[in-house]
Amino acid sequence: MPHPNHLSPSATAERQIHDHHMQVADFSLAPFTIAWEVTRACAYACVHCRADAQHHPDPAQLTTAESLRLIDRMKDFGSPILVFTGGDPMMRRDLFELIDYATQKGLRCSLTPTATTLPTPERLAKAREAGIRRIALSLDAPTPEVHDRFRQVPGSWERTMTILANAHAAGLSSQVNTTVSIHNLPILKDMVPFIEQVQAVQWSVFFLVPTGRAQAKNMITPQQHEEVFNWLYDLSTQAPFDIKVTAAPMYRRVAIQRRKAETHTGEVTFQGAGFQYADGLDRPTRGVGDGNGFLFISHIGDVQPSGFLPISAGNVRNDDVVEVYRHSELFKNLRDIHQIKGKCQACSFLSVCGGSRGRAYGLTGDYLESDPACAYDPEAEQPHAR
């Protein structure tokens, strides 16, 4: 595997520029975000569901006692963001007990319910009282027809809009999650007015990773990824909400390139969004990646780098989650950029991007391979799309 010193002088210098202007958090010790799939039960059967959710809870999901012990261990990471997700976390009867306990331990909690009848105004208020700071819902299209076809539940679009309004009324900040695929790419720009309408503080734009029910045939092309990245960068300069790109760290490279072109200097201070919100779920200045600032725990306690990279490094029933994150071979490999293969290894943006490890695994079977969705040619001065 080539060492960074084997790169060309210009590539090495550019990497040093990136490193110098990125505020570095020590992700080898603690993740910035923990996503906890508290249940895989869900009333929906979305065509791109990462979890391949089922209608009923798995009898093997973590018990309340096991969950409380897990929260105790999470606290040893400090105060990461803890995302209660699923499936539909609202289908877990002890949900508010777990949220309250995590809040007491000093974790910053958010919630991603499914747009069913369960997130009532009363339950949303109860979630806020238990300590939820932000609620995130999926909205994949500006029209009911496309969104409901994604979710395979008629009326899900209308219900999502209602829940977002009720969350705002309950004093919760909101985040909208949108998965980009061939189905909604032509109407993606029409999403912007809806993000503003529901007063979301963040639009989290996911780029499809083939895992669970999600299929590679529904992915957009590398060229289309590049075009969407550039559009999102332009939008980020004027939108009244934060934009977070998920499962596509290549966006960081596009943003840095665009900022350099605008400032006409080799000095780049771009660090990502990093906006400050009253809910306290501020963005890190260093990019988070699979197993590198991000930790996923499944409904049965498997410890994984992310929900999009379903490889287990241990299980909380038998292993200590802190030790697994810090010392397992899988997680250490993901944090060592020298392990990444292919054109990613030759890229001067490796240290700020690294590609989606989940997509590399889903499409090649090797989580250390290059991300097939990236259009950038490290040997050329510009990406293919520009």
Protein backbone atom coordinates (compact mmCIF):
# COMPACT_ATOMS: atom_id res chain seq x y z
CA MET A 1 0.00 0.00 0.00
CA PRO A 2 1.60 3.33 -1.00
CA HIS A 3 2.59 5.69 1.78
CA PRO A 4 1.60 9.39 1.51
CA ASN A 5 5.26 10.29 0.98
CA HIS A 6 5.11 8.37 -2.30
CA LEU A 7 2.57 10.84 -3.68
CA SER A 8 3.68 13.64 -5.96
CA PRO A 9 4.93 16.79 -4.15
CA SER A 10 1.85 18.73 -5.23
CA ALA A 11 -0.50 16.03 -3.96
CA THR A 12 1.35 15.83 -0.65
CA ALA A 13 1.27 19.60 -0.25
CA GLU A 14 -2.46 19.75 -0.99
CA ARG A 15 -3.15 17.03 1.56
CA GLN A 16 -1.17 19.00 4.16
CA ILE A 17 -3.24 22.09 3.34
CA HIS A 18 -6.42 20.14 3.94
CA ASP A 19 -5.16 18.69 7.20
CA HIS A 20 -3.91 22.06 8.45
CA HIS A 21 -7.28 23.73 8.04
CA MET A 22 -9.45 20.94 9.37
CA GLN A 23 -10.03 21.03 13.11
CA VAL A 24 -9.17 17.49 14.10
CA ALA A 25 -11.29 15.56 16.59
CA ASP A 26 -9.78 12.32 17.88
CA PHE A 27 -12.25 9.85 16.38
CA SER A 28 -9.98 6.98 17.41
CA LEU A 29 -11.20 7.47 20.97
CA ALA A 30 -14.86 8.37 20.56
CA PRO A 31 -17.48 8.74 17.84
CA PHE A 32 -19.22 12.05 17.24
CA THR A 33 -22.49 10.26 16.49
CA ILE A 34 -23.98 6.94 17.62
CA ALA A 35 -26.98 5.61 15.72
CA TRP A 36 -28.84 3.04 17.79
CA GLU A 37 -31.36 0.86 16.02
CA VAL A 38 -33.46 0.23 19.12
CA THR A 39 -35.86 -1.97 17.14
CA ARG A 40 -36.24 -3.27 13.62
CA ALA A 41 -40.04 -3.22 13.88
CA CYS A 42 -41.74 -0.83 11.46
CA ALA A 43 -45.14 -0.56 9.81
CA TYR A 44 -43.55 0.52 6.54
CA ALA A 45 -41.69 -1.47 3.86
CA CYS A 46 -39.72 1.27 2.09
CA VAL A 47 -38.03 0.21 -1.14
CA HIS A 48 -34.64 1.59 -0.05
CA CYS A 49 -34.76 0.60 3.63
CA ARG A 50 -31.30 0.00 5.04
CA ALA A 51 -32.71 -2.08 7.88
CA ASP A 52 -35.00 -4.36 5.85
CA ALA A 53 -37.43 -3.60 8.66
CA GLN A 54 -40.14 -6.05 9.74
CA HIS A 55 -43.66 -5.48 11.04
CA HIS A 56 -43.00 -7.00 14.47
CA PRO A 57 -40.16 -6.62 17.00
CA ASP A 58 -37.42 -9.21 16.91
CA PRO A 59 -37.65 -11.35 20.07
CA ALA A 60 -33.86 -11.11 20.24
CA GLN A 61 -33.72 -7.28 20.39
CA LEU A 62 -31.95 -5.82 23.42
CA THR A 63 -34.04 -5.83 26.59
CA THR A 64 -34.62 -2.74 28.70
CA ALA A 65 -31.98 -3.81 31.22
CA GLU A 66 -29.44 -4.52 28.46
CA SER A 67 -30.23 -1.17 26.86
CA LEU A 68 -29.69 0.75 30.08
CA ARG A 69 -26.32 -0.96 30.59
CA LEU A 70 -25.39 -0.04 27.02
CA ILE A 71 -26.19 3.62 27.68
CA ASP A 72 -23.91 3.47 30.71
CA ARG A 73 -21.06 2.40 28.44
CA MET A 74 -21.88 4.99 25.79
CA LYS A 75 -21.28 7.67 28.39
CA ASP A 76 -17.63 6.65 28.49
CA PHE A 77 -17.34 8.20 25.02
CA GLY A 78 -18.19 11.61 26.50
CA SER A 79 -21.29 13.33 25.13
CA PRO A 80 -21.82 12.07 21.59
CA ILE A 81 -25.06 12.58 19.72
CA LEU A 82 -27.24 9.52 20.25
CA VAL A 83 -29.77 8.91 17.49
CA PHE A 84 -32.68 6.66 18.47
CA THR A 85 -33.57 5.02 15.18
CA GLY A 86 -34.98 1.82 13.74
CA GLY A 87 -37.14 0.41 12.19
CA ASP A 88 -39.50 2.71 13.96
CA PRO A 89 -38.23 3.58 17.45
CA MET A 90 -41.76 4.61 18.42
CA MET A 91 -42.69 0.91 18.30
CA ARG A 92 -40.48 0.28 21.32
CA ARG A 93 -42.56 0.53 24.51
CA ASP A 94 -39.68 1.60 26.76
CA LEU A 95 -38.46 4.29 24.34
CA PHE A 96 -39.08 7.28 26.60
CA GLU A 97 -37.43 5.52 29.54
CA LEU A 98 -34.32 4.96 27.44
CA ILE A 99 -34.30 8.56 26.17
CA ASP A 100 -34.70 9.93 29.68
CA TYR A 101 -31.88 7.75 31.00
CA ALA A 102 -29.55 8.72 28.16
CA THR A 103 -30.33 12.39 28.73
CA GLN A 104 -29.53 12.05 32.42
CA LYS A 105 -26.18 10.56 31.43
CA GLY A 106 -25.40 13.67 29.38
CA LEU A 107 -25.91 12.26 25.88
CA ARG A 108 -27.43 14.56 23.24
CA CYS A 109 -30.45 12.72 21.91
CA SER A 110 -32.35 12.85 18.64
CA LEU A 111 -35.15 10.69 17.28
CA THR A 112 -36.07 9.37 13.82
CA PRO A 113 -39.64 8.04 13.96
CA THR A 114 -41.58 6.63 11.03
CA ALA A 115 -44.50 8.72 9.77
CA THR A 116 -47.24 6.56 11.27
CA THR A 117 -50.00 7.41 13.75
CA LEU A 118 -47.60 6.81 16.66
CA PRO A 119 -45.83 10.25 16.77
CA THR A 120 -48.90 12.03 18.15
CA PRO A 121 -48.61 15.60 19.49
CA GLU A 122 -48.72 14.11 23.00
CA ARG A 123 -45.91 11.65 22.30
CA LEU A 124 -43.81 14.32 20.62
CA ALA A 125 -44.20 16.49 23.71
CA LYS A 126 -43.26 13.50 25.86
CA ALA A 127 -40.16 12.93 23.72
CA ARG A 128 -39.12 16.53 24.26
CA GLU A 129 -39.67 16.22 28.02
CA ALA A 130 -37.53 13.06 28.03
CA GLY A 131 -34.68 14.99 26.41
CA ILE A 132 -35.00 14.76 22.63
CA ARG A 133 -33.42 17.83 21.04
CA ARG A 134 -34.15 17.13 17.39
CA ILE A 135 -36.55 14.96 15.42
CA ALA A 136 -35.71 13.73 11.92
CA LEU A 137 -38.22 12.48 9.38
CA SER A 138 -37.80 11.20 5.86
CA LEU A 139 -39.26 13.21 3.01
CA ASP A 140 -38.09 11.93 -0.35
CA ALA A 141 -40.15 14.02 -2.75
CA PRO A 142 -42.10 17.29 -2.89
CA THR A 143 -45.20 15.41 -4.04
CA PRO A 144 -47.24 12.66 -2.35
CA GLU A 145 -47.15 10.45 -5.44
CA VAL A 146 -43.38 9.93 -5.55
CA HIS A 147 -42.84 9.85 -1.78
CA ASP A 148 -45.69 7.44 -1.10
CA ARG A 149 -44.41 5.13 -3.84
CA PHE A 150 -41.02 5.11 -2.07
CA ARG A 151 -42.63 4.34 1.26
CA GLN A 152 -45.27 2.00 -0.17
CA VAL A 153 -47.82 3.55 2.19
CA PRO A 154 -50.56 5.84 0.81
CA GLY A 155 -50.83 9.04 2.84
CA SER A 156 -47.31 8.86 4.25
CA TRP A 157 -46.32 12.20 2.66
CA GLU A 158 -49.24 14.04 4.26
CA ARG A 159 -48.57 12.38 7.60
CA THR A 160 -44.89 13.37 7.44
CA MET A 161 -45.79 17.00 6.88
CA THR A 162 -48.24 16.89 9.79
CA ILE A 163 -45.71 15.33 12.16
CA LEU A 164 -43.09 17.93 11.24
CA ALA A 165 -45.60 20.69 11.98
CA ASN A 166 -46.56 19.07 15.28
CA ALA A 167 -42.90 18.67 16.23
CA HIS A 168 -42.34 22.37 15.66
CA ALA A 169 -45.40 23.16 17.80
CA ALA A 170 -43.99 20.92 20.55
CA GLY A 171 -40.77 22.94 20.60
CA LEU A 172 -38.63 20.35 18.79
CA SER A 173 -36.21 21.36 16.08
CA SER A 174 -36.59 19.27 12.96
CA GLN A 175 -34.41 17.68 10.32
CA VAL A 176 -35.56 16.35 6.96
CA ASN A 177 -33.84 13.28 5.51
CA THR A 178 -33.97 12.72 1.75
CA THR A 179 -32.49 9.73 -0.07
CA VAL A 180 -31.31 10.60 -3.58
CA SER A 181 -32.03 7.96 -6.21
CA ILE A 182 -33.07 7.72 -9.83
CA HIS A 183 -36.68 8.07 -8.67
CA ASN A 184 -36.44 11.58 -7.25
CA LEU A 185 -33.37 13.05 -8.95
CA PRO A 186 -35.39 15.07 -11.53
CA ILE A 187 -37.48 16.73 -8.79
CA LEU A 188 -34.81 17.10 -6.10
CA LYS A 189 -34.61 20.88 -6.52
CA ASP A 190 -38.33 21.14 -5.81
CA MET A 191 -37.64 19.87 -2.29
CA VAL A 192 -36.14 23.19 -1.18
CA PRO A 193 -39.42 25.08 -0.61
CA PHE A 194 -40.70 22.20 1.52
CA ILE A 195 -37.60 22.18 3.72
CA GLU A 196 -38.21 25.87 4.33
CA GLN A 197 -41.95 25.39 4.82
CA VAL A 198 -41.52 22.95 7.71
CA GLN A 199 -38.82 25.21 9.22
CA ALA A 200 -36.24 22.42 9.32
CA VAL A 201 -32.84 23.41 10.69
CA GLN A 202 -31.10 20.80 8.57
CA TRP A 203 -31.60 18.97 5.31
CA SER A 204 -29.75 15.68 5.47
CA VAL A 205 -29.24 14.46 1.91
CA PHE A 206 -28.51 10.73 1.76
CA PHE A 207 -26.99 9.12 -1.32
CA LEU A 208 -28.22 5.58 -1.83
CA VAL A 209 -26.01 2.74 -0.62
CA PRO A 210 -26.93 -0.76 -1.81
CA THR A 211 -27.68 -2.54 1.45
CA GLY A 212 -30.85 -3.96 2.95
CA ARG A 213 -33.68 -3.40 0.47
CA ALA A 214 -31.79 -0.70 -1.42
CA GLN A 215 -30.65 -1.87 -4.85
CA ALA A 216 -27.68 -0.66 -6.89
CA LYS A 217 -29.89 -0.23 -9.96
CA ASN A 218 -31.60 2.69 -8.21
CA MET A 219 -28.35 4.60 -7.64
CA ILE A 220 -27.61 7.71 -9.66
CA THR A 221 -24.45 7.72 -11.79
CA PRO A 222 -21.06 9.13 -10.68
CA GLN A 223 -21.60 12.04 -13.08
CA GLN A 224 -24.99 12.75 -11.50
CA HIS A 225 -23.46 12.58 -8.03
CA GLU A 226 -21.01 15.28 -9.10
CA GLU A 227 -23.79 17.47 -10.47
CA VAL A 228 -25.85 17.15 -7.29
CA PHE A 229 -22.79 17.95 -5.15
CA ASN A 230 -22.20 21.17 -7.05
CA TRP A 231 -25.87 22.11 -6.82
CA LEU A 232 -25.86 21.46 -3.06
CA TYR A 233 -22.78 23.62 -2.66
CA ASP A 234 -24.52 26.50 -4.44
CA LEU A 235 -27.63 25.96 -2.34
CA SER A 236 -25.59 25.97 0.89
CA THR A 237 -24.49 29.56 0.22
CA GLN A 238 -28.06 30.86 0.37
CA ALA A 239 -30.34 28.32 2.08
CA PRO A 240 -31.79 29.26 5.50
CA PHE A 241 -31.07 25.70 6.70
CA ASP A 242 -27.94 23.61 7.12
CA ILE A 243 -27.16 20.98 4.49
CA LYS A 244 -25.57 17.70 5.54
CA VAL A 245 -24.50 15.12 2.98
CA THR A 246 -24.61 11.50 4.16
CA ALA A 247 -22.91 8.48 2.56
CA ALA A 248 -21.11 10.71 0.05
CA PRO A 249 -17.97 12.22 1.60
CA MET A 250 -16.89 13.18 -1.94
CA TYR A 251 -19.01 16.30 -1.40
CA ARG A 252 -16.25 17.63 0.88
CA ARG A 253 -13.84 17.50 -2.05
CA VAL A 254 -16.26 19.40 -4.29
CA ALA A 255 -16.86 22.04 -1.61
CA ILE A 256 -13.11 22.54 -1.10
CA GLN A 257 -12.51 22.82 -4.84
CA ARG A 258 -15.32 25.32 -5.24
CA ARG A 259 -14.12 27.40 -2.30
CA LYS A 260 -10.56 27.46 -3.66
CA ALA A 261 -11.83 28.62 -7.05
CA GLU A 262 -13.88 31.38 -5.42
CA THR A 263 -11.09 32.66 -3.18
CA HIS A 264 -8.34 32.31 -5.82
CA THR A 265 -5.89 31.08 -3.22
CA GLY A 266 -4.25 27.86 -2.13
CA GLU A 267 -5.39 28.53 1.41
CA VAL A 268 -8.63 26.70 2.17
CA THR A 269 -10.42 27.12 5.49
CA PHE A 270 -13.59 25.27 4.53
CA GLN A 271 -14.58 22.97 7.39
CA GLY A 272 -18.09 21.89 6.52
CA ALA A 273 -21.23 23.50 7.84
CA GLY A 274 -20.66 23.65 11.58
CA PHE A 275 -23.67 25.89 12.16
CA GLN A 276 -24.77 26.45 15.74
CA TYR A 277 -28.30 25.50 16.75
CA ALA A 278 -30.20 25.92 19.98
CA ASP A 279 -30.78 22.16 20.11
CA GLY A 280 -27.04 21.65 20.68
CA LEU A 281 -26.59 19.11 17.87
CA ASP A 282 -23.86 21.13 16.19
CA ARG A 283 -21.95 19.72 13.25
CA PRO A 284 -18.32 18.63 13.71
CA THR A 285 -15.69 20.54 11.81
CA ARG A 286 -14.07 17.29 10.70
CA GLY A 287 -15.94 14.95 8.37
CA VAL A 288 -17.50 11.88 9.97
CA GLY A 289 -17.23 8.53 8.18
CA ASP A 290 -18.17 4.89 8.65
CA GLY A 291 -16.45 3.74 11.85
CA ASN A 292 -14.50 6.99 11.87
CA GLY A 293 -16.53 9.27 14.09
CA PHE A 294 -19.67 7.22 13.51
CA LEU A 295 -20.86 4.12 15.36
CA PHE A 296 -23.93 1.96 14.72
CA ILE A 297 -25.52 -0.47 17.15
CA SER A 298 -28.13 -2.88 15.81
CA HIS A 299 -31.35 -3.95 17.48
CA ILE A 300 -29.68 -7.16 18.67
CA GLY A 301 -26.54 -5.39 19.88
CA ASP A 302 -24.16 -5.85 16.95
CA VAL A 303 -21.48 -3.15 16.87
CA GLN A 304 -20.97 -1.90 13.32
CA PRO A 305 -19.23 1.04 11.57
CA SER A 306 -22.57 2.32 10.21
CA GLY A 307 -25.98 1.10 9.19
CA PHE A 308 -24.74 1.15 5.60
CA LEU A 309 -21.73 -1.06 6.38
CA PRO A 310 -23.31 -4.11 8.03
CA ILE A 311 -20.14 -5.82 9.23
CA SER A 312 -20.05 -6.59 12.95
CA ALA A 313 -16.92 -6.12 15.05
CA GLY A 314 -18.59 -7.41 18.20
CA ASN A 315 -21.83 -7.54 20.16
CA VAL A 316 -22.66 -5.54 23.26
CA ARG A 317 -23.99 -8.66 24.97
CA ASN A 318 -20.48 -10.15 24.98
CA ASP A 319 -18.13 -7.28 24.18
CA ASP A 320 -17.49 -3.82 25.55
CA VAL A 321 -18.69 -1.28 22.97
CA VAL A 322 -15.98 1.22 23.89
CA GLU A 323 -13.22 -1.34 23.44
CA VAL A 324 -14.69 -2.53 20.14
CA TYR A 325 -14.85 1.00 18.73
CA ARG A 326 -11.34 1.89 19.85
CA HIS A 327 -9.42 -1.32 19.29
CA SER A 328 -11.16 -3.76 16.91
CA GLU A 329 -9.34 -4.43 13.64
CA LEU A 330 -12.37 -3.38 11.57
CA PHE A 331 -12.67 0.05 13.16
CA LYS A 332 -8.92 0.65 13.19
CA ASN A 333 -8.72 -0.20 9.48
CA LEU A 334 -11.49 2.28 8.70
CA ARG A 335 -9.62 5.05 10.54
CA ASP A 336 -6.32 4.33 8.78
CA ILE A 337 -6.38 6.09 5.41
CA HIS A 338 -3.31 4.16 4.33
CA GLN A 339 -5.49 1.03 4.16
CA ILE A 340 -7.87 2.44 1.52
CA LYS A 341 -7.25 1.10 -1.96
CA GLY A 342 -7.56 2.05 -5.61
CA LYS A 343 -7.77 5.59 -6.87
CA CYS A 344 -8.81 6.79 -3.39
CA GLN A 345 -5.28 6.04 -2.16
CA ALA A 346 -3.76 8.22 -4.89
CA CYS A 347 -6.18 11.10 -4.28
CA SER A 348 -4.98 14.28 -2.58
CA PHE A 349 -8.42 14.59 -0.95
CA LEU A 350 -8.15 11.22 0.79
CA SER A 351 -7.74 12.65 4.27
CA VAL A 352 -10.90 14.76 4.04
CA CYS A 353 -12.99 12.31 2.02
CA GLY A 354 -12.02 8.66 1.93
CA GLY A 355 -15.14 7.65 0.01
CA SER A 356 -18.15 5.80 1.34
CA ARG A 357 -16.89 2.60 2.89
CA GLY A 358 -20.44 1.24 2.92
CA ARG A 359 -20.93 1.79 -0.81
CA ALA A 360 -17.52 0.31 -1.58
CA TYR A 361 -18.52 -2.80 0.37
CA GLY A 362 -21.99 -2.98 -1.16
CA LEU A 363 -20.72 -2.78 -4.74
CA THR A 364 -17.33 -4.52 -4.55
CA GLY A 365 -17.48 -6.69 -1.43
CA ASP A 366 -14.37 -4.92 -0.06
CA TYR A 367 -14.94 -2.07 2.40
CA LEU A 368 -11.45 -0.71 1.70
CA GLU A 369 -11.91 -0.37 -2.06
CA SER A 370 -12.52 2.95 -3.84
CA ASP A 371 -16.05 4.35 -3.82
CA PRO A 372 -17.55 3.48 -7.25
CA ALA A 373 -19.87 6.53 -7.08
CA CYS A 374 -16.98 9.00 -7.24
CA ALA A 375 -16.41 10.68 -10.61
CA TYR A 376 -13.15 12.37 -9.64
CA ASP A 377 -9.93 11.42 -11.42
CA PRO A 378 -6.97 12.01 -9.07
CA GLU A 379 -4.66 12.21 -12.08
CA ALA A 380 -6.57 15.11 -13.61
CA GLU A 381 -6.80 18.68 -12.36
CA GLN A 382 -10.61 18.77 -12.42
CA PRO A 383 -13.39 16.24 -11.78
CA HIS A 384 -15.10 14.84 -14.86
CA ALA A 385 -18.27 16.85 -14.25
CA ARG A 386 -16.65 20.29 -14.28
